[in-house]
Amino acid sequence: MDADDLAVAPDGSPVLLYLVLPGDDEAALVHAAIGPGDDILELGCGPGRVTRPLVALGHRVTGVDNSAEMLGHLDGVPGVETVLAELAGLDLGSRRWSCVLMASHLVNDDEGEAFLAAAARHVAPGGCVLVQRHEPGWVDGADVE
């Protein structure tokens, strides 16, 4: 184990954990909900847990994260463009995507409304914003696994 294995994102997320968690199921759900080959703007992409399977399914992904340590794991991955930025104020000019993906329950974050506004600014006309969320209070009834 080296220092890179202990890196954490600004929100405290452990980079190594998100690097080893599978993302194939989430990618399959996204792929089924959008058009084949649609370009995706993935907000909070981390080290590519969902990004890599989406690319394998034929999508080009622009991954945005506020952690250089997370994004570093996507350097040089064909079909992936990375953007180091804070999500709440994200402004990528006139660029628009057919799908904006906001996974990792970002909508449940204190800045959820600002994240949704950023997603809305970047979705193409006729495109979609896909959001993963928890029901309010879900953690109170969650079982330990």
C-alpha atoms as a PDB file:
ATOM      1  CA  MET A   1       0.000   0.000   0.000  1.00  0.00           C
ATOM      2  CA  ASP A   2       1.355   3.453  -0.889  1.00  0.00           C
ATOM      3  CA  ALA A   3       0.204   7.038  -0.374  1.00  0.00           C
ATOM      4  CA  ASP A   4      -2.001   6.916  -3.498  1.00  0.00           C
ATOM      5  CA  ASP A   5      -3.956   4.069  -1.898  1.00  0.00           C
ATOM      6  CA  LEU A   6      -4.818   6.355   1.021  1.00  0.00           C
ATOM      7  CA  ALA A   7      -5.919   9.350  -1.076  1.00  0.00           C
ATOM      8  CA  VAL A   8      -9.309  10.860  -0.312  1.00  0.00           C
ATOM      9  CA  ALA A   9     -11.472  13.219  -2.335  1.00  0.00           C
ATOM     10  CA  PRO A  10     -12.376  16.661  -0.939  1.00  0.00           C
ATOM     11  CA  ASP A  11     -15.663  15.220   0.358  1.00  0.00           C
ATOM     12  CA  GLY A  12     -13.799  12.492   2.254  1.00  0.00           C
ATOM     13  CA  SER A  13     -14.512   9.676  -0.216  1.00  0.00           C
ATOM     14  CA  PRO A  14     -11.693   7.111  -0.278  1.00  0.00           C
ATOM     15  CA  VAL A  15     -10.310   6.893  -3.815  1.00  0.00           C
ATOM     16  CA  LEU A  16      -9.286   3.232  -3.516  1.00  0.00           C
ATOM     17  CA  LEU A  17     -12.763   2.155  -2.408  1.00  0.00           C
ATOM     18  CA  TYR A  18     -14.416   3.756  -5.433  1.00  0.00           C
ATOM     19  CA  LEU A  19     -11.723   2.331  -7.686  1.00  0.00           C
ATOM     20  CA  VAL A  20     -12.537  -1.256  -6.703  1.00  0.00           C
ATOM     21  CA  LEU A  21     -16.346  -1.023  -6.434  1.00  0.00           C
ATOM     22  CA  PRO A  22     -18.122  -2.489  -9.475  1.00  0.00           C
ATOM     23  CA  GLY A  23     -20.173  -0.190 -11.711  1.00  0.00           C
ATOM     24  CA  ASP A  24     -21.397  -2.557 -14.410  1.00  0.00           C
ATOM     25  CA  ASP A  25     -24.993  -2.748 -13.123  1.00  0.00           C
ATOM     26  CA  GLU A  26     -25.403   1.040 -12.993  1.00  0.00           C
ATOM     27  CA  ALA A  27     -23.835   1.397 -16.444  1.00  0.00           C
ATOM     28  CA  ALA A  28     -26.263  -1.198 -17.846  1.00  0.00           C
ATOM     29  CA  LEU A  29     -29.220   0.773 -16.430  1.00  0.00           C
ATOM     30  CA  VAL A  30     -27.958   4.004 -17.979  1.00  0.00           C
ATOM     31  CA  HIS A  31     -27.224   2.301 -21.305  1.00  0.00           C
ATOM     32  CA  ALA A  32     -30.770   0.876 -21.425  1.00  0.00           C
ATOM     33  CA  ALA A  33     -32.300   4.309 -20.746  1.00  0.00           C
ATOM     34  CA  ILE A  34     -30.498   6.251 -23.497  1.00  0.00           C
ATOM     35  CA  GLY A  35     -29.708   5.911 -27.166  1.00  0.00           C
ATOM     36  CA  PRO A  36     -26.876   3.705 -28.426  1.00  0.00           C
ATOM     37  CA  GLY A  37     -23.670   5.703 -28.553  1.00  0.00           C
ATOM     38  CA  ASP A  38     -25.145   8.772 -26.838  1.00  0.00           C
ATOM     39  CA  ASP A  39     -22.532  11.069 -25.335  1.00  0.00           C
ATOM     40  CA  ILE A  40     -22.697  11.326 -21.549  1.00  0.00           C
ATOM     41  CA  LEU A  41     -21.679  14.046 -19.113  1.00  0.00           C
ATOM     42  CA  GLU A  42     -21.058  12.228 -15.838  1.00  0.00           C
ATOM     43  CA  LEU A  43     -21.111  14.514 -12.816  1.00  0.00           C
ATOM     44  CA  GLY A  44     -19.058  13.164  -9.911  1.00  0.00           C
ATOM     45  CA  CYS A  45     -17.442  10.410 -11.986  1.00  0.00           C
ATOM     46  CA  GLY A  46     -14.788   9.557  -9.398  1.00  0.00           C
ATOM     47  CA  PRO A  47     -12.121   7.160 -10.693  1.00  0.00           C
ATOM     48  CA  GLY A  48     -14.429   5.746 -13.374  1.00  0.00           C
ATOM     49  CA  ARG A  49     -16.435   3.079 -11.585  1.00  0.00           C
ATOM     50  CA  VAL A  50     -19.384   3.649 -13.965  1.00  0.00           C
ATOM     51  CA  THR A  51     -17.469   5.544 -16.643  1.00  0.00           C
ATOM     52  CA  ARG A  52     -15.393   2.595 -17.851  1.00  0.00           C
ATOM     53  CA  PRO A  53     -18.369   0.237 -18.354  1.00  0.00           C
ATOM     54  CA  LEU A  54     -20.266   3.018 -20.168  1.00  0.00           C
ATOM     55  CA  VAL A  55     -17.352   3.434 -22.579  1.00  0.00           C
ATOM     56  CA  ALA A  56     -17.244  -0.343 -23.069  1.00  0.00           C
ATOM     57  CA  LEU A  57     -20.938  -0.133 -24.040  1.00  0.00           C
ATOM     58  CA  GLY A  58     -20.090   2.372 -26.797  1.00  0.00           C
ATOM     59  CA  HIS A  59     -20.605   5.762 -25.156  1.00  0.00           C
ATOM     60  CA  ARG A  60     -18.182   8.670 -25.032  1.00  0.00           C
ATOM     61  CA  VAL A  61     -18.078  10.085 -21.511  1.00  0.00           C
ATOM     62  CA  THR A  62     -17.009  13.473 -20.214  1.00  0.00           C
ATOM     63  CA  GLY A  63     -16.330  12.851 -16.547  1.00  0.00           C
ATOM     64  CA  VAL A  64     -16.382  15.721 -14.078  1.00  0.00           C
ATOM     65  CA  ASP A  65     -15.061  15.501 -10.543  1.00  0.00           C
ATOM     66  CA  ASN A  66     -13.530  17.883  -8.000  1.00  0.00           C
ATOM     67  CA  SER A  67     -10.808  15.369  -7.085  1.00  0.00           C
ATOM     68  CA  ALA A  68      -7.622  15.219  -9.131  1.00  0.00           C
ATOM     69  CA  GLU A  69      -6.815  11.949  -7.352  1.00  0.00           C
ATOM     70  CA  MET A  70     -10.067  10.412  -8.578  1.00  0.00           C
ATOM     71  CA  LEU A  71      -9.729  11.740 -12.139  1.00  0.00           C
ATOM     72  CA  GLY A  72      -6.122  10.578 -12.355  1.00  0.00           C
ATOM     73  CA  HIS A  73      -7.388   7.016 -12.719  1.00  0.00           C
ATOM     74  CA  LEU A  74      -9.096   7.989 -15.985  1.00  0.00           C
ATOM     75  CA  ASP A  75      -6.055   9.596 -17.617  1.00  0.00           C
ATOM     76  CA  GLY A  76      -5.531   8.137 -21.062  1.00  0.00           C
ATOM     77  CA  VAL A  77      -8.690   5.992 -21.097  1.00  0.00           C
ATOM     78  CA  PRO A  78      -9.972   6.031 -24.707  1.00  0.00           C
ATOM     79  CA  GLY A  79     -13.450   7.536 -24.998  1.00  0.00           C
ATOM     80  CA  VAL A  80     -13.107   9.546 -21.787  1.00  0.00           C
ATOM     81  CA  GLU A  81     -12.524  13.270 -21.387  1.00  0.00           C
ATOM     82  CA  THR A  82     -11.968  14.474 -17.819  1.00  0.00           C
ATOM     83  CA  VAL A  83     -12.778  17.848 -16.303  1.00  0.00           C
ATOM     84  CA  LEU A  84     -11.509  18.892 -12.865  1.00  0.00           C
ATOM     85  CA  ALA A  85     -14.169  21.238 -11.484  1.00  0.00           C
ATOM     86  CA  GLU A  86     -16.616  21.874  -8.686  1.00  0.00           C
ATOM     87  CA  LEU A  87     -19.997  20.533  -9.760  1.00  0.00           C
ATOM     88  CA  ALA A  88     -22.281  23.153  -8.244  1.00  0.00           C
ATOM     89  CA  GLY A  89     -20.990  25.993 -10.415  1.00  0.00           C
ATOM     90  CA  LEU A  90     -20.047  23.905 -13.445  1.00  0.00           C
ATOM     91  CA  ASP A  91     -20.164  25.887 -16.673  1.00  0.00           C
ATOM     92  CA  LEU A  92     -18.754  24.206 -19.762  1.00  0.00           C
ATOM     93  CA  GLY A  93     -19.929  26.985 -22.068  1.00  0.00           C
ATOM     94  CA  SER A  94     -22.211  26.057 -24.929  1.00  0.00           C
ATOM     95  CA  ARG A  95     -21.407  22.339 -24.784  1.00  0.00           C
ATOM     96  CA  ARG A  96     -24.428  20.056 -24.318  1.00  0.00           C
ATOM     97  CA  TRP A  97     -24.795  16.279 -23.888  1.00  0.00           C
ATOM     98  CA  SER A  98     -27.645  13.922 -24.786  1.00  0.00           C
ATOM     99  CA  CYS A  99     -27.376  12.461 -21.291  1.00  0.00           C
ATOM    100  CA  VAL A 100     -26.240  14.057 -18.061  1.00  0.00           C
ATOM    101  CA  LEU A 101     -25.667  11.475 -15.346  1.00  0.00           C
ATOM    102  CA  MET A 102     -25.783  12.481 -11.702  1.00  0.00           C
ATOM    103  CA  ALA A 103     -25.158   9.264  -9.768  1.00  0.00           C
ATOM    104  CA  SER A 104     -23.727   8.669  -6.311  1.00  0.00           C
ATOM    105  CA  HIS A 105     -26.817  10.196  -4.708  1.00  0.00           C
ATOM    106  CA  LEU A 106     -25.519  13.724  -5.370  1.00  0.00           C
ATOM    107  CA  VAL A 107     -29.078  15.012  -5.307  1.00  0.00           C
ATOM    108  CA  ASN A 108     -29.183  14.081  -1.604  1.00  0.00           C
ATOM    109  CA  ASP A 109     -26.167  16.329  -0.927  1.00  0.00           C
ATOM    110  CA  ASP A 110     -26.614  19.752   0.663  1.00  0.00           C
ATOM    111  CA  GLU A 111     -25.783  21.208  -2.759  1.00  0.00           C
ATOM    112  CA  GLY A 112     -28.211  18.897  -4.577  1.00  0.00           C
ATOM    113  CA  GLU A 113     -30.212  21.778  -6.067  1.00  0.00           C
ATOM    114  CA  ALA A 114     -27.063  23.421  -7.436  1.00  0.00           C
ATOM    115  CA  PHE A 115     -25.934  20.078  -8.889  1.00  0.00           C
ATOM    116  CA  LEU A 116     -29.314  19.674 -10.610  1.00  0.00           C
ATOM    117  CA  ALA A 117     -29.026  23.201 -12.000  1.00  0.00           C
ATOM    118  CA  ALA A 118     -25.584  22.337 -13.395  1.00  0.00           C
ATOM    119  CA  ALA A 119     -27.049  19.214 -14.998  1.00  0.00           C
ATOM    120  CA  ALA A 120     -29.876  21.246 -16.544  1.00  0.00           C
ATOM    121  CA  ARG A 121     -27.381  23.755 -17.982  1.00  0.00           C
ATOM    122  CA  HIS A 122     -25.563  20.987 -19.845  1.00  0.00           C
ATOM    123  CA  VAL A 123     -28.284  18.720 -21.200  1.00  0.00           C
ATOM    124  CA  ALA A 124     -29.073  18.975 -24.920  1.00  0.00           C
ATOM    125  CA  PRO A 125     -32.608  19.748 -26.083  1.00  0.00           C
ATOM    126  CA  GLY A 126     -34.472  16.447 -26.090  1.00  0.00           C
ATOM    127  CA  GLY A 127     -31.791  14.891 -23.872  1.00  0.00           C
ATOM    128  CA  CYS A 128     -32.178  13.482 -20.389  1.00  0.00           C
ATOM    129  CA  VAL A 129     -30.813  13.939 -16.901  1.00  0.00           C
ATOM    130  CA  LEU A 130     -30.506  10.665 -14.983  1.00  0.00           C
ATOM    131  CA  VAL A 131     -30.381  11.020 -11.198  1.00  0.00           C
ATOM    132  CA  GLN A 132     -29.665   8.444  -8.512  1.00  0.00           C
ATOM    133  CA  ARG A 133     -31.185   9.302  -5.159  1.00  0.00           C
ATOM    134  CA  HIS A 134     -32.196   7.966  -1.760  1.00  0.00           C
ATOM    135  CA  GLU A 135     -35.643   8.372  -0.305  1.00  0.00           C
ATOM    136  CA  PRO A 136     -35.494  10.945   2.516  1.00  0.00           C
ATOM    137  CA  GLY A 137     -34.798   9.207   5.827  1.00  0.00           C
ATOM    138  CA  TRP A 138     -33.772   5.901   4.186  1.00  0.00           C
ATOM    139  CA  VAL A 139     -30.711   5.557   6.378  1.00  0.00           C
ATOM    140  CA  ASP A 140     -32.876   5.437   9.517  1.00  0.00           C
ATOM    141  CA  GLY A 141     -34.375   2.142   8.358  1.00  0.00           C
ATOM    142  CA  ALA A 142     -31.315   0.635   6.637  1.00  0.00           C
ATOM    143  CA  ASP A 143     -30.034  -2.728   7.797  1.00  0.00           C
ATOM    144  CA  VAL A 144     -26.366  -3.397   8.437  1.00  0.00           C
ATOM    145  CA  GLU A 145     -24.860  -5.711   5.820  1.00  0.00           C
END
